[in-house]
Amino acid sequence: MQFRHYKGGIYDFVCAAKLESNPETVMIVYTAADGSFWTRPEEVFFEMIEHDGKTVQRFIAIDE
């Protein structure tokens, strides 16, 4: 599944993983077009943020 970041980048969802130091924390693992891997806590990945005076999702799923 692909997601678009609010700044325009396209990222591929890799998996959801548990944080070793706190297994209750779910981390989203995703990769960029350049092959780099990134991770964010699930609540941050899917949170609503303020951008240019509007409330938007940080990442939004792209219909395939």
PDB file of N, CA and C in Angstrom:
ATOM      1  N   MET A   1       0.846  -1.168   0.000  1.00  0.00           N
ATOM      2  CA  MET A   1       0.000   0.000   0.000  1.00  0.00           C
ATOM      3  C   MET A   1       0.896   1.236   0.000  1.00  0.00           C
ATOM      4  N   GLN A   2       0.474   2.250  -0.713  1.00  0.00           N
ATOM      5  CA  GLN A   2       1.241   3.484  -0.779  1.00  0.00           C
ATOM      6  C   GLN A   2       0.518   4.601  -0.032  1.00  0.00           C
ATOM      7  N   PHE A   3       1.331   5.520   0.503  1.00  0.00           N
ATOM      8  CA  PHE A   3       0.812   6.680   1.210  1.00  0.00           C
ATOM      9  C   PHE A   3       1.482   7.927   0.669  1.00  0.00           C
ATOM     10  N   ARG A   4       0.731   9.028   0.632  1.00  0.00           N
ATOM     11  CA  ARG A   4       1.280  10.331   0.233  1.00  0.00           C
ATOM     12  C   ARG A   4       1.448  11.157   1.503  1.00  0.00           C
ATOM     13  N   HIS A   5       2.654  11.683   1.704  1.00  0.00           N
ATOM     14  CA  HIS A   5       2.940  12.586   2.819  1.00  0.00           C
ATOM     15  C   HIS A   5       2.329  13.945   2.486  1.00  0.00           C
ATOM     16  N   TYR A   6       1.952  14.707   3.490  1.00  0.00           N
ATOM     17  CA  TYR A   6       1.312  15.996   3.231  1.00  0.00           C
ATOM     18  C   TYR A   6       2.203  16.951   2.437  1.00  0.00           C
ATOM     19  N   LYS A   7       3.531  16.716   2.442  1.00  0.00           N
ATOM     20  CA  LYS A   7       4.437  17.546   1.637  1.00  0.00           C
ATOM     21  C   LYS A   7       4.598  17.015   0.220  1.00  0.00           C
ATOM     22  N   GLY A   8       3.947  15.863  -0.088  1.00  0.00           N
ATOM     23  CA  GLY A   8       3.923  15.366  -1.455  1.00  0.00           C
ATOM     24  C   GLY A   8       4.660  14.075  -1.741  1.00  0.00           C
ATOM     25  N   GLY A   9       5.557  13.654  -0.879  1.00  0.00           N
ATOM     26  CA  GLY A   9       6.315  12.426  -1.127  1.00  0.00           C
ATOM     27  C   GLY A   9       5.430  11.190  -1.095  1.00  0.00           C
ATOM     28  N   ILE A  10       5.803  10.183  -1.877  1.00  0.00           N
ATOM     29  CA  ILE A  10       5.079   8.910  -1.921  1.00  0.00           C
ATOM     30  C   ILE A  10       5.927   7.860  -1.206  1.00  0.00           C
ATOM     31  N   TYR A  11       5.282   7.113  -0.313  1.00  0.00           N
ATOM     32  CA  TYR A  11       5.984   6.112   0.491  1.00  0.00           C
ATOM     33  C   TYR A  11       5.238   4.791   0.457  1.00  0.00           C
ATOM     34  N   ASP A  12       5.992   3.702   0.486  1.00  0.00           N
ATOM     35  CA  ASP A  12       5.414   2.357   0.531  1.00  0.00           C
ATOM     36  C   ASP A  12       5.378   1.866   1.968  1.00  0.00           C
ATOM     37  N   PHE A  13       4.209   1.416   2.396  1.00  0.00           N
ATOM     38  CA  PHE A  13       4.050   0.800   3.709  1.00  0.00           C
ATOM     39  C   PHE A  13       4.773  -0.538   3.693  1.00  0.00           C
ATOM     40  N   VAL A  14       5.601  -0.808   4.686  1.00  0.00           N
ATOM     41  CA  VAL A  14       6.314  -2.081   4.790  1.00  0.00           C
ATOM     42  C   VAL A  14       5.606  -2.977   5.793  1.00  0.00           C
ATOM     43  N   CYS A  15       5.445  -2.493   7.027  1.00  0.00           N
ATOM     44  CA  CYS A  15       4.799  -3.296   8.062  1.00  0.00           C
ATOM     45  C   CYS A  15       4.540  -2.443   9.295  1.00  0.00           C
ATOM     46  N   ALA A  16       3.757  -3.004  10.196  1.00  0.00           N
ATOM     47  CA  ALA A  16       3.593  -2.438  11.527  1.00  0.00           C
ATOM     48  C   ALA A  16       4.419  -3.315  12.449  1.00  0.00           C
ATOM     49  N   ALA A  17       5.157  -2.706  13.367  1.00  0.00           N
ATOM     50  CA  ALA A  17       6.053  -3.450  14.256  1.00  0.00           C
ATOM     51  C   ALA A  17       5.888  -2.946  15.687  1.00  0.00           C
ATOM     52  N   LYS A  18       6.195  -3.826  16.638  1.00  0.00           N
ATOM     53  CA  LYS A  18       6.165  -3.439  18.042  1.00  0.00           C
ATOM     54  C   LYS A  18       7.526  -2.872  18.431  1.00  0.00           C
ATOM     55  N   LEU A  19       7.512  -1.846  19.232  1.00  0.00           N
ATOM     56  CA  LEU A  19       8.737  -1.244  19.742  1.00  0.00           C
ATOM     57  C   LEU A  19       9.297  -2.141  20.845  1.00  0.00           C
ATOM     58  N   GLU A  20      10.544  -2.552  20.727  1.00  0.00           N
ATOM     59  CA  GLU A  20      11.141  -3.509  21.665  1.00  0.00           C
ATOM     60  C   GLU A  20      11.067  -3.014  23.104  1.00  0.00           C
ATOM     61  N   SER A  21      11.360  -1.752  23.332  1.00  0.00           N
ATOM     62  CA  SER A  21      11.381  -1.224  24.691  1.00  0.00           C
ATOM     63  C   SER A  21       9.990  -0.994  25.279  1.00  0.00           C
ATOM     64  N   ASN A  22       8.968  -0.983  24.418  1.00  0.00           N
ATOM     65  CA  ASN A  22       7.585  -0.814  24.865  1.00  0.00           C
ATOM     66  C   ASN A  22       6.676  -1.496  23.851  1.00  0.00           C
ATOM     67  N   PRO A  23       6.417  -2.797  24.000  1.00  0.00           N
ATOM     68  CA  PRO A  23       5.636  -3.556  23.014  1.00  0.00           C
ATOM     69  C   PRO A  23       4.219  -3.027  22.766  1.00  0.00           C
ATOM     70  N   GLU A  24       3.735  -2.147  23.635  1.00  0.00           N
ATOM     71  CA  GLU A  24       2.415  -1.561  23.396  1.00  0.00           C
ATOM     72  C   GLU A  24       2.470  -0.475  22.323  1.00  0.00           C
ATOM     73  N   THR A  25       3.656   0.021  22.015  1.00  0.00           N
ATOM     74  CA  THR A  25       3.832   1.051  20.993  1.00  0.00           C
ATOM     75  C   THR A  25       3.980   0.393  19.632  1.00  0.00           C
ATOM     76  N   VAL A  26       3.066   0.713  18.724  1.00  0.00           N
ATOM     77  CA  VAL A  26       3.125   0.187  17.365  1.00  0.00           C
ATOM     78  C   VAL A  26       3.843   1.205  16.486  1.00  0.00           C
ATOM     79  N   MET A  27       4.852   0.723  15.771  1.00  0.00           N
ATOM     80  CA  MET A  27       5.619   1.565  14.862  1.00  0.00           C
ATOM     81  C   MET A  27       5.249   1.214  13.424  1.00  0.00           C
ATOM     82  N   ILE A  28       5.139   2.213  12.581  1.00  0.00           N
ATOM     83  CA  ILE A  28       4.902   2.001  11.157  1.00  0.00           C
ATOM     84  C   ILE A  28       6.253   2.089  10.448  1.00  0.00           C
ATOM     85  N   VAL A  29       6.579   1.064   9.695  1.00  0.00           N
ATOM     86  CA  VAL A  29       7.815   1.030   8.916  1.00  0.00           C
ATOM     87  C   VAL A  29       7.437   1.290   7.463  1.00  0.00           C
ATOM     88  N   TYR A  30       8.127   2.234   6.840  1.00  0.00           N
ATOM     89  CA  TYR A  30       7.815   2.587   5.453  1.00  0.00           C
ATOM     90  C   TYR A  30       9.088   2.950   4.721  1.00  0.00           C
ATOM     91  N   THR A  31       9.018   2.925   3.399  1.00  0.00           N
ATOM     92  CA  THR A  31      10.209   3.184   2.596  1.00  0.00           C
ATOM     93  C   THR A  31       9.926   4.270   1.556  1.00  0.00           C
ATOM     94  N   ALA A  32      10.968   5.030   1.269  1.00  0.00           N
ATOM     95  CA  ALA A  32      10.889   6.110   0.283  1.00  0.00           C
ATOM     96  C   ALA A  32      11.358   5.608  -1.081  1.00  0.00           C
ATOM     97  N   ALA A  33      11.150   6.404  -2.089  1.00  0.00           N
ATOM     98  CA  ALA A  33      11.535   6.039  -3.455  1.00  0.00           C
ATOM     99  C   ALA A  33      13.041   5.786  -3.591  1.00  0.00           C
ATOM    100  N   ASP A  34      13.849   6.435  -2.739  1.00  0.00           N
ATOM    101  CA  ASP A  34      15.305   6.247  -2.819  1.00  0.00           C
ATOM    102  C   ASP A  34      15.783   4.981  -2.101  1.00  0.00           C
ATOM    103  N   GLY A  35      14.825   4.197  -1.560  1.00  0.00           N
ATOM    104  CA  GLY A  35      15.162   2.948  -0.897  1.00  0.00           C
ATOM    105  C   GLY A  35      15.424   3.078   0.594  1.00  0.00           C
ATOM    106  N   SER A  36      15.400   4.289   1.125  1.00  0.00           N
ATOM    107  CA  SER A  36      15.625   4.464   2.556  1.00  0.00           C
ATOM    108  C   SER A  36      14.399   4.017   3.348  1.00  0.00           C
ATOM    109  N   PHE A  37      14.646   3.487   4.535  1.00  0.00           N
ATOM    110  CA  PHE A  37      13.569   3.029   5.411  1.00  0.00           C
ATOM    111  C   PHE A  37      13.373   4.030   6.538  1.00  0.00           C
ATOM    112  N   TRP A  38      12.112   4.197   6.927  1.00  0.00           N
ATOM    113  CA  TRP A  38      11.739   5.142   7.976  1.00  0.00           C
ATOM    114  C   TRP A  38      10.747   4.476   8.909  1.00  0.00           C
ATOM    115  N   THR A  39      10.638   5.023  10.109  1.00  0.00           N
ATOM    116  CA  THR A  39       9.659   4.526  11.053  1.00  0.00           C
ATOM    117  C   THR A  39       9.114   5.677  11.886  1.00  0.00           C
ATOM    118  N   ARG A  40       7.849   5.568  12.220  1.00  0.00           N
ATOM    119  CA  ARG A  40       7.178   6.537  13.097  1.00  0.00           C
ATOM    120  C   ARG A  40       6.194   5.770  13.961  1.00  0.00           C
ATOM    121  N   PRO A  41       5.932   6.281  15.160  1.00  0.00           N
ATOM    122  CA  PRO A  41       4.856   5.672  15.943  1.00  0.00           C
ATOM    123  C   PRO A  41       3.540   5.758  15.157  1.00  0.00           C
ATOM    124  N   GLU A  42       2.723   4.725  15.279  1.00  0.00           N
ATOM    125  CA  GLU A  42       1.457   4.669  14.539  1.00  0.00           C
ATOM    126  C   GLU A  42       0.617   5.924  14.736  1.00  0.00           C
ATOM    127  N   GLU A  43       0.528   6.417  15.973  1.00  0.00           N
ATOM    128  CA  GLU A  43      -0.310   7.588  16.228  1.00  0.00           C
ATOM    129  C   GLU A  43       0.236   8.847  15.546  1.00  0.00           C
ATOM    130  N   VAL A  44       1.543   8.914  15.342  1.00  0.00           N
ATOM    131  CA  VAL A  44       2.140  10.052  14.634  1.00  0.00           C
ATOM    132  C   VAL A  44       1.930   9.891  13.128  1.00  0.00           C
ATOM    133  N   PHE A  45       2.127   8.688  12.618  1.00  0.00           N
ATOM    134  CA  PHE A  45       1.952   8.432  11.178  1.00  0.00           C
ATOM    135  C   PHE A  45       0.558   8.844  10.717  1.00  0.00           C
ATOM    136  N   PHE A  46      -0.459   8.520  11.516  1.00  0.00           N
ATOM    137  CA  PHE A  46      -1.847   8.779  11.116  1.00  0.00           C
ATOM    138  C   PHE A  46      -2.453  10.044  11.721  1.00  0.00           C
ATOM    139  N   GLU A  47      -1.657  10.861  12.405  1.00  0.00           N
ATOM    140  CA  GLU A  47      -2.240  12.022  13.075  1.00  0.00           C
ATOM    141  C   GLU A  47      -2.634  13.138  12.109  1.00  0.00           C
ATOM    142  N   MET A  48      -3.517  13.983  12.594  1.00  0.00           N
ATOM    143  CA  MET A  48      -3.906  15.195  11.881  1.00  0.00           C
ATOM    144  C   MET A  48      -2.953  16.298  12.322  1.00  0.00           C
ATOM    145  N   ILE A  49      -2.494  17.110  11.358  1.00  0.00           N
ATOM    146  CA  ILE A  49      -1.563  18.189  11.660  1.00  0.00           C
ATOM    147  C   ILE A  49      -2.043  19.480  11.007  1.00  0.00           C
ATOM    148  N   GLU A  50      -1.487  20.589  11.447  1.00  0.00           N
ATOM    149  CA  GLU A  50      -1.764  21.886  10.834  1.00  0.00           C
ATOM    150  C   GLU A  50      -0.716  22.155   9.762  1.00  0.00           C
ATOM    151  N   HIS A  51      -1.177  22.504   8.548  1.00  0.00           N
ATOM    152  CA  HIS A  51      -0.265  22.820   7.442  1.00  0.00           C
ATOM    153  C   HIS A  51      -0.913  23.899   6.594  1.00  0.00           C
ATOM    154  N   ASP A  52      -0.229  25.015   6.429  1.00  0.00           N
ATOM    155  CA  ASP A  52      -0.747  26.142   5.645  1.00  0.00           C
ATOM    156  C   ASP A  52      -2.141  26.555   6.096  1.00  0.00           C
ATOM    157  N   GLY A  53      -2.359  26.551   7.406  1.00  0.00           N
ATOM    158  CA  GLY A  53      -3.638  27.000   7.956  1.00  0.00           C
ATOM    159  C   GLY A  53      -4.767  25.994   7.849  1.00  0.00           C
ATOM    160  N   LYS A  54      -4.461  24.765   7.428  1.00  0.00           N
ATOM    161  CA  LYS A  54      -5.487  23.726   7.296  1.00  0.00           C
ATOM    162  C   LYS A  54      -5.102  22.525   8.147  1.00  0.00           C
ATOM    163  N   THR A  55      -6.100  21.769   8.580  1.00  0.00           N
ATOM    164  CA  THR A  55      -5.861  20.522   9.282  1.00  0.00           C
ATOM    165  C   THR A  55      -5.884  19.400   8.256  1.00  0.00           C
ATOM    166  N   VAL A  56      -4.765  18.676   8.158  1.00  0.00           N
ATOM    167  CA  VAL A  56      -4.627  17.600   7.173  1.00  0.00           C
ATOM    168  C   VAL A  56      -4.003  16.379   7.840  1.00  0.00           C
ATOM    169  N   GLN A  57      -4.176  15.212   7.211  1.00  0.00           N
ATOM    170  CA  GLN A  57      -3.502  14.005   7.689  1.00  0.00           C
ATOM    171  C   GLN A  57      -2.033  14.071   7.287  1.00  0.00           C
ATOM    172  N   ARG A  58      -1.156  13.612   8.184  1.00  0.00           N
ATOM    173  CA  ARG A  58       0.287  13.578   7.864  1.00  0.00           C
ATOM    174  C   ARG A  58       0.522  12.678   6.656  1.00  0.00           C
ATOM    175  N   PHE A  59      -0.070  11.493   6.637  1.00  0.00           N
ATOM    176  CA  PHE A  59      -0.005  10.565   5.509  1.00  0.00           C
ATOM    177  C   PHE A  59      -1.426  10.160   5.141  1.00  0.00           C
ATOM    178  N   ILE A  60      -1.699  10.037   3.861  1.00  0.00           N
ATOM    179  CA  ILE A  60      -3.002   9.572   3.402  1.00  0.00           C
ATOM    180  C   ILE A  60      -2.799   8.446   2.408  1.00  0.00           C
ATOM    181  N   ALA A  61      -3.592   7.392   2.558  1.00  0.00           N
ATOM    182  CA  ALA A  61      -3.491   6.247   1.658  1.00  0.00           C
ATOM    183  C   ALA A  61      -3.861   6.660   0.242  1.00  0.00           C
ATOM    184  N   ILE A  62      -3.131   6.122  -0.707  1.00  0.00           N
ATOM    185  CA  ILE A  62      -3.394   6.382  -2.127  1.00  0.00           C
ATOM    186  C   ILE A  62      -4.200   5.205  -2.656  1.00  0.00           C
ATOM    187  N   ASP A  63      -5.319   5.484  -3.291  1.00  0.00           N
ATOM    188  CA  ASP A  63      -6.138   4.411  -3.884  1.00  0.00           C
ATOM    189  C   ASP A  63      -5.358   3.730  -4.991  1.00  0.00           C
ATOM    190  N   GLU A  64      -5.416   2.404  -4.942  1.00  0.00           N
ATOM    191  CA  GLU A  64      -4.712   1.642  -5.985  1.00  0.00           C
ATOM    192  C   GLU A  64      -5.703   0.972  -6.896  1.00  0.00           C
TER     193      GLU A  64
END
